[in-house]
mmCIF file of all heavy atoms, coordinates in Angstrom:
data_MODEL
# 
_entry.id   MODEL 
# 
loop_
_atom_site.group_PDB 
_atom_site.id 
_atom_site.type_symbol 
_atom_site.label_atom_id 
_atom_site.label_alt_id 
_atom_site.label_comp_id 
_atom_site.label_asym_id 
_atom_site.label_entity_id 
_atom_site.label_seq_id 
_atom_site.pdbx_PDB_ins_code 
_atom_site.Cartn_x 
_atom_site.Cartn_y 
_atom_site.Cartn_z 
_atom_site.occupancy 
_atom_site.B_iso_or_equiv 
_atom_site.pdbx_formal_charge 
_atom_site.auth_seq_id 
_atom_site.auth_comp_id 
_atom_site.auth_asym_id 
_atom_site.auth_atom_id 
_atom_site.pdbx_PDB_model_num 
ATOM 1   N N   . GLY A 1 1  ? 20.743 8.592   7.907   1.00 0.00 ? 1  GLY A N   1 
ATOM 2   C CA  . GLY A 1 1  ? 19.296 8.545   8.055   1.00 0.00 ? 1  GLY A CA  1 
ATOM 3   C C   . GLY A 1 1  ? 18.534 8.493   6.755   1.00 0.00 ? 1  GLY A C   1 
ATOM 4   O O   . GLY A 1 1  ? 17.294 8.338   6.790   1.00 0.00 ? 1  GLY A O   1 
ATOM 5   N N   . LYS A 1 2  ? 19.208 8.564   5.627   1.00 0.00 ? 2  LYS A N   1 
ATOM 6   C CA  . LYS A 1 2  ? 18.519 8.462   4.339   1.00 0.00 ? 2  LYS A CA  1 
ATOM 7   C C   . LYS A 1 2  ? 18.185 7.000   4.044   1.00 0.00 ? 2  LYS A C   1 
ATOM 8   O O   . LYS A 1 2  ? 18.927 6.086   4.381   1.00 0.00 ? 2  LYS A O   1 
ATOM 9   C CB  . LYS A 1 2  ? 19.416 9.004   3.226   1.00 0.00 ? 2  LYS A CB  1 
ATOM 10  C CG  . LYS A 1 2  ? 19.741 10.498  3.325   1.00 0.00 ? 2  LYS A CG  1 
ATOM 11  C CD  . LYS A 1 2  ? 18.635 11.330  2.759   1.00 0.00 ? 2  LYS A CD  1 
ATOM 12  C CE  . LYS A 1 2  ? 19.053 12.805  2.644   1.00 0.00 ? 2  LYS A CE  1 
ATOM 13  N NZ  . LYS A 1 2  ? 17.979 13.638  2.103   1.00 0.00 ? 2  LYS A NZ  1 
ATOM 14  N N   . LYS A 1 3  ? 17.053 6.797   3.356   1.00 0.00 ? 3  LYS A N   1 
ATOM 15  C CA  . LYS A 1 3  ? 16.721 5.459   2.909   1.00 0.00 ? 3  LYS A CA  1 
ATOM 16  C C   . LYS A 1 3  ? 17.565 5.147   1.675   1.00 0.00 ? 3  LYS A C   1 
ATOM 17  O O   . LYS A 1 3  ? 17.790 5.990   0.825   1.00 0.00 ? 3  LYS A O   1 
ATOM 18  C CB  . LYS A 1 3  ? 15.221 5.340   2.586   1.00 0.00 ? 3  LYS A CB  1 
ATOM 19  C CG  . LYS A 1 3  ? 14.337 5.378   3.811   1.00 0.00 ? 3  LYS A CG  1 
ATOM 20  C CD  . LYS A 1 3  ? 12.888 5.124   3.437   1.00 0.00 ? 3  LYS A CD  1 
ATOM 21  C CE  . LYS A 1 3  ? 12.020 5.102   4.694   1.00 0.00 ? 3  LYS A CE  1 
ATOM 22  N NZ  . LYS A 1 3  ? 10.586 4.870   4.358   1.00 0.00 ? 3  LYS A NZ  1 
ATOM 23  N N   . LEU A 1 4  ? 18.012 3.881   1.593   1.00 0.00 ? 4  LEU A N   1 
ATOM 24  C CA  . LEU A 1 4  ? 18.904 3.504   0.529   1.00 0.00 ? 4  LEU A CA  1 
ATOM 25  C C   . LEU A 1 4  ? 18.296 3.753   -0.863  1.00 0.00 ? 4  LEU A C   1 
ATOM 26  O O   . LEU A 1 4  ? 18.976 4.209   -1.784  1.00 0.00 ? 4  LEU A O   1 
ATOM 27  C CB  . LEU A 1 4  ? 19.262 2.007   0.670   1.00 0.00 ? 4  LEU A CB  1 
ATOM 28  C CG  . LEU A 1 4  ? 20.194 1.401   -0.380  1.00 0.00 ? 4  LEU A CG  1 
ATOM 29  C CD1 . LEU A 1 4  ? 21.529 2.136   -0.379  1.00 0.00 ? 4  LEU A CD1 1 
ATOM 30  C CD2 . LEU A 1 4  ? 20.397 -0.093  -0.108  1.00 0.00 ? 4  LEU A CD2 1 
ATOM 31  N N   . GLY A 1 5  ? 16.989 3.518   -0.961  1.00 0.00 ? 5  GLY A N   1 
ATOM 32  C CA  . GLY A 1 5  ? 16.330 3.700   -2.265  1.00 0.00 ? 5  GLY A CA  1 
ATOM 33  C C   . GLY A 1 5  ? 16.334 5.129   -2.739  1.00 0.00 ? 5  GLY A C   1 
ATOM 34  O O   . GLY A 1 5  ? 16.305 5.391   -3.966  1.00 0.00 ? 5  GLY A O   1 
ATOM 35  N N   . THR A 1 6  ? 16.363 6.097   -1.828  1.00 0.00 ? 6  THR A N   1 
ATOM 36  C CA  . THR A 1 6  ? 16.330 7.517   -2.213  1.00 0.00 ? 6  THR A CA  1 
ATOM 37  C C   . THR A 1 6  ? 17.655 7.993   -2.815  1.00 0.00 ? 6  THR A C   1 
ATOM 38  O O   . THR A 1 6  ? 17.717 9.087   -3.387  1.00 0.00 ? 6  THR A O   1 
ATOM 39  C CB  . THR A 1 6  ? 15.975 8.397   -1.008  1.00 0.00 ? 6  THR A CB  1 
ATOM 40  O OG1 . THR A 1 6  ? 16.995 8.297   -0.007  1.00 0.00 ? 6  THR A OG1 1 
ATOM 41  C CG2 . THR A 1 6  ? 14.655 7.963   -0.410  1.00 0.00 ? 6  THR A CG2 1 
ATOM 42  N N   . LEU A 1 7  ? 18.721 7.203   -2.675  1.00 0.00 ? 7  LEU A N   1 
ATOM 43  C CA  . LEU A 1 7  ? 20.042 7.600   -3.218  1.00 0.00 ? 7  LEU A CA  1 
ATOM 44  C C   . LEU A 1 7  ? 20.130 7.268   -4.709  1.00 0.00 ? 7  LEU A C   1 
ATOM 45  O O   . LEU A 1 7  ? 20.994 7.833   -5.394  1.00 0.00 ? 7  LEU A O   1 
ATOM 46  C CB  . LEU A 1 7  ? 21.156 6.896   -2.472  1.00 0.00 ? 7  LEU A CB  1 
ATOM 47  C CG  . LEU A 1 7  ? 21.189 7.095   -0.947  1.00 0.00 ? 7  LEU A CG  1 
ATOM 48  C CD1 . LEU A 1 7  ? 22.440 6.425   -0.366  1.00 0.00 ? 7  LEU A CD1 1 
ATOM 49  C CD2 . LEU A 1 7  ? 21.157 8.568   -0.583  1.00 0.00 ? 7  LEU A CD2 1 
ATOM 50  N N   . HIS A 1 8  ? 19.295 6.366   -5.207  1.00 0.00 ? 8  HIS A N   1 
ATOM 51  C CA  . HIS A 1 8  ? 19.244 6.021   -6.628  1.00 0.00 ? 8  HIS A CA  1 
ATOM 52  C C   . HIS A 1 8  ? 20.622 5.637   -7.177  1.00 0.00 ? 8  HIS A C   1 
ATOM 53  O O   . HIS A 1 8  ? 21.019 6.030   -8.270  1.00 0.00 ? 8  HIS A O   1 
ATOM 54  C CB  . HIS A 1 8  ? 18.670 7.182   -7.472  1.00 0.00 ? 8  HIS A CB  1 
ATOM 55  C CG  . HIS A 1 8  ? 17.312 7.636   -7.009  1.00 0.00 ? 8  HIS A CG  1 
ATOM 56  N ND1 . HIS A 1 8  ? 16.176 6.854   -7.128  1.00 0.00 ? 8  HIS A ND1 1 
ATOM 57  C CD2 . HIS A 1 8  ? 16.912 8.799   -6.405  1.00 0.00 ? 8  HIS A CD2 1 
ATOM 58  C CE1 . HIS A 1 8  ? 15.146 7.519   -6.612  1.00 0.00 ? 8  HIS A CE1 1 
ATOM 59  N NE2 . HIS A 1 8  ? 15.550 8.692   -6.176  1.00 0.00 ? 8  HIS A NE2 1 
ATOM 60  N N   . LEU A 1 9  ? 21.347 4.838   -6.375  1.00 0.00 ? 9  LEU A N   1 
ATOM 61  C CA  . LEU A 1 9  ? 22.711 4.471   -6.785  1.00 0.00 ? 9  LEU A CA  1 
ATOM 62  C C   . LEU A 1 9  ? 22.701 3.625   -8.052  1.00 0.00 ? 9  LEU A C   1 
ATOM 63  O O   . LEU A 1 9  ? 23.604 3.727   -8.887  1.00 0.00 ? 9  LEU A O   1 
ATOM 64  C CB  . LEU A 1 9  ? 23.403 3.692   -5.662  1.00 0.00 ? 9  LEU A CB  1 
ATOM 65  C CG  . LEU A 1 9  ? 23.612 4.456   -4.343  1.00 0.00 ? 9  LEU A CG  1 
ATOM 66  C CD1 . LEU A 1 9  ? 24.290 3.569   -3.332  1.00 0.00 ? 9  LEU A CD1 1 
ATOM 67  C CD2 . LEU A 1 9  ? 24.434 5.726   -4.596  1.00 0.00 ? 9  LEU A CD2 1 
ATOM 68  N N   . ARG A 1 10 ? 21.671 2.787   -8.237  1.00 0.00 ? 10 ARG A N   1 
ATOM 69  C CA  . ARG A 1 10 ? 21.623 1.938   -9.395  1.00 0.00 ? 10 ARG A CA  1 
ATOM 70  C C   . ARG A 1 10 ? 21.397 2.724   -10.674 1.00 0.00 ? 10 ARG A C   1 
ATOM 71  O O   . ARG A 1 10 ? 22.055 2.525   -11.702 1.00 0.00 ? 10 ARG A O   1 
ATOM 72  C CB  . ARG A 1 10 ? 20.504 0.901   -9.214  1.00 0.00 ? 10 ARG A CB  1 
ATOM 73  C CG  . ARG A 1 10 ? 20.297 -0.016  -10.425 1.00 0.00 ? 10 ARG A CG  1 
ATOM 74  C CD  . ARG A 1 10 ? 19.211 -1.026  -10.157 1.00 0.00 ? 10 ARG A CD  1 
ATOM 75  N NE  . ARG A 1 10 ? 19.613 -2.032  -9.184  1.00 0.00 ? 10 ARG A NE  1 
ATOM 76  C CZ  . ARG A 1 10 ? 18.825 -2.982  -8.724  1.00 0.00 ? 10 ARG A CZ  1 
ATOM 77  N NH1 . ARG A 1 10 ? 17.571 -3.042  -9.109  1.00 0.00 ? 10 ARG A NH1 1 
ATOM 78  N NH2 . ARG A 1 10 ? 19.271 -3.868  -7.851  1.00 0.00 ? 10 ARG A NH2 1 
ATOM 79  N N   . ASN A 1 11 ? 20.508 3.711   -10.604 1.00 0.00 ? 11 ASN A N   1 
ATOM 80  C CA  . ASN A 1 11 ? 20.189 4.491   -11.797 1.00 0.00 ? 11 ASN A CA  1 
ATOM 81  C C   . ASN A 1 11 ? 21.250 5.512   -12.143 1.00 0.00 ? 11 ASN A C   1 
ATOM 82  O O   . ASN A 1 11 ? 21.562 5.769   -13.293 1.00 0.00 ? 11 ASN A O   1 
ATOM 83  C CB  . ASN A 1 11 ? 18.828 5.198   -11.610 1.00 0.00 ? 11 ASN A CB  1 
ATOM 84  C CG  . ASN A 1 11 ? 17.687 4.218   -11.474 1.00 0.00 ? 11 ASN A CG  1 
ATOM 85  O OD1 . ASN A 1 11 ? 17.740 3.115   -12.003 1.00 0.00 ? 11 ASN A OD1 1 
ATOM 86  N ND2 . ASN A 1 11 ? 16.657 4.602   -10.743 1.00 0.00 ? 11 ASN A ND2 1 
ATOM 87  N N   . ILE A 1 12 ? 21.845 6.144   -11.092 1.00 0.00 ? 12 ILE A N   1 
ATOM 88  C CA  . ILE A 1 12 ? 22.798 7.219   -11.342 1.00 0.00 ? 12 ILE A CA  1 
ATOM 89  C C   . ILE A 1 12 ? 24.201 6.684   -11.629 1.00 0.00 ? 12 ILE A C   1 
ATOM 90  O O   . ILE A 1 12 ? 24.882 7.148   -12.537 1.00 0.00 ? 12 ILE A O   1 
ATOM 91  C CB  . ILE A 1 12 ? 22.837 8.187   -10.115 1.00 0.00 ? 12 ILE A CB  1 
ATOM 92  C CG1 . ILE A 1 12 ? 21.451 8.829   -9.947  1.00 0.00 ? 12 ILE A CG1 1 
ATOM 93  C CG2 . ILE A 1 12 ? 23.925 9.247   -10.311 1.00 0.00 ? 12 ILE A CG2 1 
ATOM 94  C CD1 . ILE A 1 12 ? 21.371 9.726   -8.709  1.00 0.00 ? 12 ILE A CD1 1 
ATOM 95  N N   . TYR A 1 13 ? 24.636 5.683   -10.840 1.00 0.00 ? 13 TYR A N   1 
ATOM 96  C CA  . TYR A 1 13 ? 26.006 5.204   -10.943 1.00 0.00 ? 13 TYR A CA  1 
ATOM 97  C C   . TYR A 1 13 ? 26.130 3.845   -11.600 1.00 0.00 ? 13 TYR A C   1 
ATOM 98  O O   . TYR A 1 13 ? 27.238 3.337   -11.776 1.00 0.00 ? 13 TYR A O   1 
ATOM 99  C CB  . TYR A 1 13 ? 26.652 5.151   -9.549  1.00 0.00 ? 13 TYR A CB  1 
ATOM 100 C CG  . TYR A 1 13 ? 26.736 6.512   -8.878  1.00 0.00 ? 13 TYR A CG  1 
ATOM 101 C CD1 . TYR A 1 13 ? 25.814 6.930   -7.970  1.00 0.00 ? 13 TYR A CD1 1 
ATOM 102 C CD2 . TYR A 1 13 ? 27.805 7.371   -9.223  1.00 0.00 ? 13 TYR A CD2 1 
ATOM 103 C CE1 . TYR A 1 13 ? 25.893 8.156   -7.356  1.00 0.00 ? 13 TYR A CE1 1 
ATOM 104 C CE2 . TYR A 1 13 ? 27.921 8.627   -8.609  1.00 0.00 ? 13 TYR A CE2 1 
ATOM 105 C CZ  . TYR A 1 13 ? 26.975 9.021   -7.673  1.00 0.00 ? 13 TYR A CZ  1 
ATOM 106 O OH  . TYR A 1 13 ? 27.037 10.241  -7.085  1.00 0.00 ? 13 TYR A OH  1 
ATOM 107 N N   . ASP A 1 14 ? 25.011 3.183   -11.874 1.00 0.00 ? 14 ASP A N   1 
ATOM 108 C CA  . ASP A 1 14 ? 25.010 1.873   -12.515 1.00 0.00 ? 14 ASP A CA  1 
ATOM 109 C C   . ASP A 1 14 ? 25.722 0.846   -11.640 1.00 0.00 ? 14 ASP A C   1 
ATOM 110 O O   . ASP A 1 14 ? 26.563 0.058   -12.100 1.00 0.00 ? 14 ASP A O   1 
ATOM 111 C CB  . ASP A 1 14 ? 25.689 1.940   -13.892 1.00 0.00 ? 14 ASP A CB  1 
ATOM 112 C CG  . ASP A 1 14 ? 25.298 0.742   -14.769 1.00 0.00 ? 14 ASP A CG  1 
ATOM 113 O OD1 . ASP A 1 14 ? 24.247 0.152   -14.522 1.00 0.00 ? 14 ASP A OD1 1 
ATOM 114 O OD2 . ASP A 1 14 ? 26.088 0.378   -15.678 1.00 0.00 ? 14 ASP A OD2 1 
ATOM 115 N N   . VAL A 1 15 ? 25.412 0.851   -10.340 1.00 0.00 ? 15 VAL A N   1 
ATOM 116 C CA  . VAL A 1 15 ? 25.944 -0.141  -9.406  1.00 0.00 ? 15 VAL A CA  1 
ATOM 117 C C   . VAL A 1 15 ? 24.803 -0.728  -8.597  1.00 0.00 ? 15 VAL A C   1 
ATOM 118 O O   . VAL A 1 15 ? 23.709 -0.172  -8.536  1.00 0.00 ? 15 VAL A O   1 
ATOM 119 C CB  . VAL A 1 15 ? 26.986 0.485   -8.440  1.00 0.00 ? 15 VAL A CB  1 
ATOM 120 C CG1 . VAL A 1 15 ? 28.153 1.087   -9.202  1.00 0.00 ? 15 VAL A CG1 1 
ATOM 121 C CG2 . VAL A 1 15 ? 26.365 1.522   -7.529  1.00 0.00 ? 15 VAL A CG2 1 
ATOM 122 N N   . ASN A 1 16 ? 25.062 -1.826  -7.945  1.00 0.00 ? 16 ASN A N   1 
ATOM 123 C CA  . ASN A 1 16 ? 24.112 -2.447  -7.046  1.00 0.00 ? 16 ASN A CA  1 
ATOM 124 C C   . ASN A 1 16 ? 24.703 -2.559  -5.649  1.00 0.00 ? 16 ASN A C   1 
ATOM 125 O O   . ASN A 1 16 ? 25.886 -2.880  -5.493  1.00 0.00 ? 16 ASN A O   1 
ATOM 126 C CB  . ASN A 1 16 ? 23.728 -3.864  -7.513  1.00 0.00 ? 16 ASN A CB  1 
ATOM 127 C CG  . ASN A 1 16 ? 22.661 -3.807  -8.585  1.00 0.00 ? 16 ASN A CG  1 
ATOM 128 O OD1 . ASN A 1 16 ? 21.652 -3.140  -8.448  1.00 0.00 ? 16 ASN A OD1 1 
ATOM 129 N ND2 . ASN A 1 16 ? 22.926 -4.493  -9.699  1.00 0.00 ? 16 ASN A ND2 1 
ATOM 130 N N   . VAL A 1 17 ? 23.903 -2.278  -4.631  1.00 0.00 ? 17 VAL A N   1 
ATOM 131 C CA  . VAL A 1 17 ? 24.286 -2.503  -3.216  1.00 0.00 ? 17 VAL A CA  1 
ATOM 132 C C   . VAL A 1 17 ? 23.659 -3.834  -2.807  1.00 0.00 ? 17 VAL A C   1 
ATOM 133 O O   . VAL A 1 17 ? 22.442 -3.963  -2.801  1.00 0.00 ? 17 VAL A O   1 
ATOM 134 C CB  . VAL A 1 17 ? 23.818 -1.376  -2.306  1.00 0.00 ? 17 VAL A CB  1 
ATOM 135 C CG1 . VAL A 1 17 ? 24.255 -1.651  -0.885  1.00 0.00 ? 17 VAL A CG1 1 
ATOM 136 C CG2 . VAL A 1 17 ? 24.349 -0.044  -2.799  1.00 0.00 ? 17 VAL A CG2 1 
ATOM 137 N N   . SER A 1 18 ? 24.507 -4.830  -2.511  1.00 0.00 ? 18 SER A N   1 
ATOM 138 C CA  . SER A 1 18 ? 23.966 -6.174  -2.227  1.00 0.00 ? 18 SER A CA  1 
ATOM 139 C C   . SER A 1 18 ? 23.705 -6.377  -0.746  1.00 0.00 ? 18 SER A C   1 
ATOM 140 O O   . SER A 1 18 ? 22.827 -7.146  -0.374  1.00 0.00 ? 18 SER A O   1 
ATOM 141 C CB  . SER A 1 18 ? 24.956 -7.237  -2.725  1.00 0.00 ? 18 SER A CB  1 
ATOM 142 O OG  . SER A 1 18 ? 26.191 -7.102  -2.072  1.00 0.00 ? 18 SER A OG  1 
ATOM 143 N N   . ARG A 1 19 ? 24.494 -5.708  0.124   1.00 0.00 ? 19 ARG A N   1 
ATOM 144 C CA  . ARG A 1 19 ? 24.265 -5.852  1.573   1.00 0.00 ? 19 ARG A CA  1 
ATOM 145 C C   . ARG A 1 19 ? 24.863 -4.660  2.281   1.00 0.00 ? 19 ARG A C   1 
ATOM 146 O O   . ARG A 1 19 ? 25.712 -3.958  1.774   1.00 0.00 ? 19 ARG A O   1 
ATOM 147 C CB  . ARG A 1 19 ? 24.870 -7.161  2.090   1.00 0.00 ? 19 ARG A CB  1 
ATOM 148 C CG  . ARG A 1 19 ? 26.369 -7.195  2.162   1.00 0.00 ? 19 ARG A CG  1 
ATOM 149 C CD  . ARG A 1 19 ? 26.892 -8.510  2.762   1.00 0.00 ? 19 ARG A CD  1 
ATOM 150 N NE  . ARG A 1 19 ? 26.966 -9.560  1.758   1.00 0.00 ? 19 ARG A NE  1 
ATOM 151 C CZ  . ARG A 1 19 ? 27.343 -10.791 2.028   1.00 0.00 ? 19 ARG A CZ  1 
ATOM 152 N NH1 . ARG A 1 19 ? 27.638 -11.152 3.247   1.00 0.00 ? 19 ARG A NH1 1 
ATOM 153 N NH2 . ARG A 1 19 ? 27.416 -11.701 1.072   1.00 0.00 ? 19 ARG A NH2 1 
ATOM 154 N N   . VAL A 1 20 ? 24.410 -4.473  3.508   1.00 0.00 ? 20 VAL A N   1 
ATOM 155 C CA  . VAL A 1 20 ? 24.882 -3.418  4.380   1.00 0.00 ? 20 VAL A CA  1 
ATOM 156 C C   . VAL A 1 20 ? 25.294 -4.063  5.708   1.00 0.00 ? 20 VAL A C   1 
ATOM 157 O O   . VAL A 1 20 ? 24.530 -4.809  6.288   1.00 0.00 ? 20 VAL A O   1 
ATOM 158 C CB  . VAL A 1 20 ? 23.811 -2.347  4.623   1.00 0.00 ? 20 VAL A CB  1 
ATOM 159 C CG1 . VAL A 1 20 ? 24.311 -1.307  5.633   1.00 0.00 ? 20 VAL A CG1 1 
ATOM 160 C CG2 . VAL A 1 20 ? 23.440 -1.665  3.311   1.00 0.00 ? 20 VAL A CG2 1 
ATOM 161 N N   . ILE A 1 21 ? 26.533 -3.808  6.133   1.00 0.00 ? 21 ILE A N   1 
ATOM 162 C CA  . ILE A 1 21 ? 27.026 -4.364  7.386   1.00 0.00 ? 21 ILE A CA  1 
ATOM 163 C C   . ILE A 1 21 ? 27.020 -3.272  8.427   1.00 0.00 ? 21 ILE A C   1 
ATOM 164 O O   . ILE A 1 21 ? 27.632 -2.202  8.247   1.00 0.00 ? 21 ILE A O   1 
ATOM 165 C CB  . ILE A 1 21 ? 28.444 -4.958  7.205   1.00 0.00 ? 21 ILE A CB  1 
ATOM 166 C CG1 . ILE A 1 21 ? 28.427 -6.006  6.109   1.00 0.00 ? 21 ILE A CG1 1 
ATOM 167 C CG2 . ILE A 1 21 ? 28.927 -5.556  8.522   1.00 0.00 ? 21 ILE A CG2 1 
ATOM 168 C CD1 . ILE A 1 21 ? 29.801 -6.566  5.784   1.00 0.00 ? 21 ILE A CD1 1 
ATOM 169 N N   . ARG A 1 22 ? 26.306 -3.488  9.506   1.00 0.00 ? 22 ARG A N   1 
ATOM 170 C CA  . ARG A 1 22 ? 26.163 -2.517  10.607  1.00 0.00 ? 22 ARG A CA  1 
ATOM 171 C C   . ARG A 1 22 ? 26.672 -3.222  11.878  1.00 0.00 ? 22 ARG A C   1 
ATOM 172 O O   . ARG A 1 22 ? 26.020 -4.092  12.438  1.00 0.00 ? 22 ARG A O   1 
ATOM 173 C CB  . ARG A 1 22 ? 24.742 -2.061  10.770  1.00 0.00 ? 22 ARG A CB  1 
ATOM 174 C CG  . ARG A 1 22 ? 24.504 -1.037  11.857  1.00 0.00 ? 22 ARG A CG  1 
ATOM 175 C CD  . ARG A 1 22 ? 23.067 -0.521  11.789  1.00 0.00 ? 22 ARG A CD  1 
ATOM 176 N NE  . ARG A 1 22 ? 22.815 0.108   10.488  1.00 0.00 ? 22 ARG A NE  1 
ATOM 177 C CZ  . ARG A 1 22 ? 21.612 0.294   9.963   1.00 0.00 ? 22 ARG A CZ  1 
ATOM 178 N NH1 . ARG A 1 22 ? 20.548 -0.132  10.641  1.00 0.00 ? 22 ARG A NH1 1 
ATOM 179 N NH2 . ARG A 1 22 ? 21.473 0.894   8.791   1.00 0.00 ? 22 ARG A NH2 1 
ATOM 180 N N   . GLY A 1 23 ? 27.858 -2.793  12.339  1.00 0.00 ? 23 GLY A N   1 
ATOM 181 C CA  . GLY A 1 23 ? 28.460 -3.509  13.463  1.00 0.00 ? 23 GLY A CA  1 
ATOM 182 C C   . GLY A 1 23 ? 28.845 -4.916  12.989  1.00 0.00 ? 23 GLY A C   1 
ATOM 183 O O   . GLY A 1 23 ? 29.622 -5.095  12.071  1.00 0.00 ? 23 GLY A O   1 
ATOM 184 N N   . ASP A 1 24 ? 28.264 -5.928  13.630  1.00 0.00 ? 24 ASP A N   1 
ATOM 185 C CA  . ASP A 1 24 ? 28.481 -7.323  13.228  1.00 0.00 ? 24 ASP A CA  1 
ATOM 186 C C   . ASP A 1 24 ? 27.288 -7.900  12.497  1.00 0.00 ? 24 ASP A C   1 
ATOM 187 O O   . ASP A 1 24 ? 27.243 -9.099  12.196  1.00 0.00 ? 24 ASP A O   1 
ATOM 188 C CB  . ASP A 1 24 ? 28.766 -8.187  14.473  1.00 0.00 ? 24 ASP A CB  1 
ATOM 189 C CG  . ASP A 1 24 ? 30.110 -7.843  15.127  1.00 0.00 ? 24 ASP A CG  1 
ATOM 190 O OD1 . ASP A 1 24 ? 30.999 -7.421  14.390  1.00 0.00 ? 24 ASP A OD1 1 
ATOM 191 O OD2 . ASP A 1 24 ? 30.222 -7.974  16.344  1.00 0.00 ? 24 ASP A OD2 1 
# 
């Protein structure tokens, strides 16, 4: 239920999330 932006993956881990697959 968290918004992707609130995880700050880019700033904390220096990675990018390009897409999210949910089911198909």
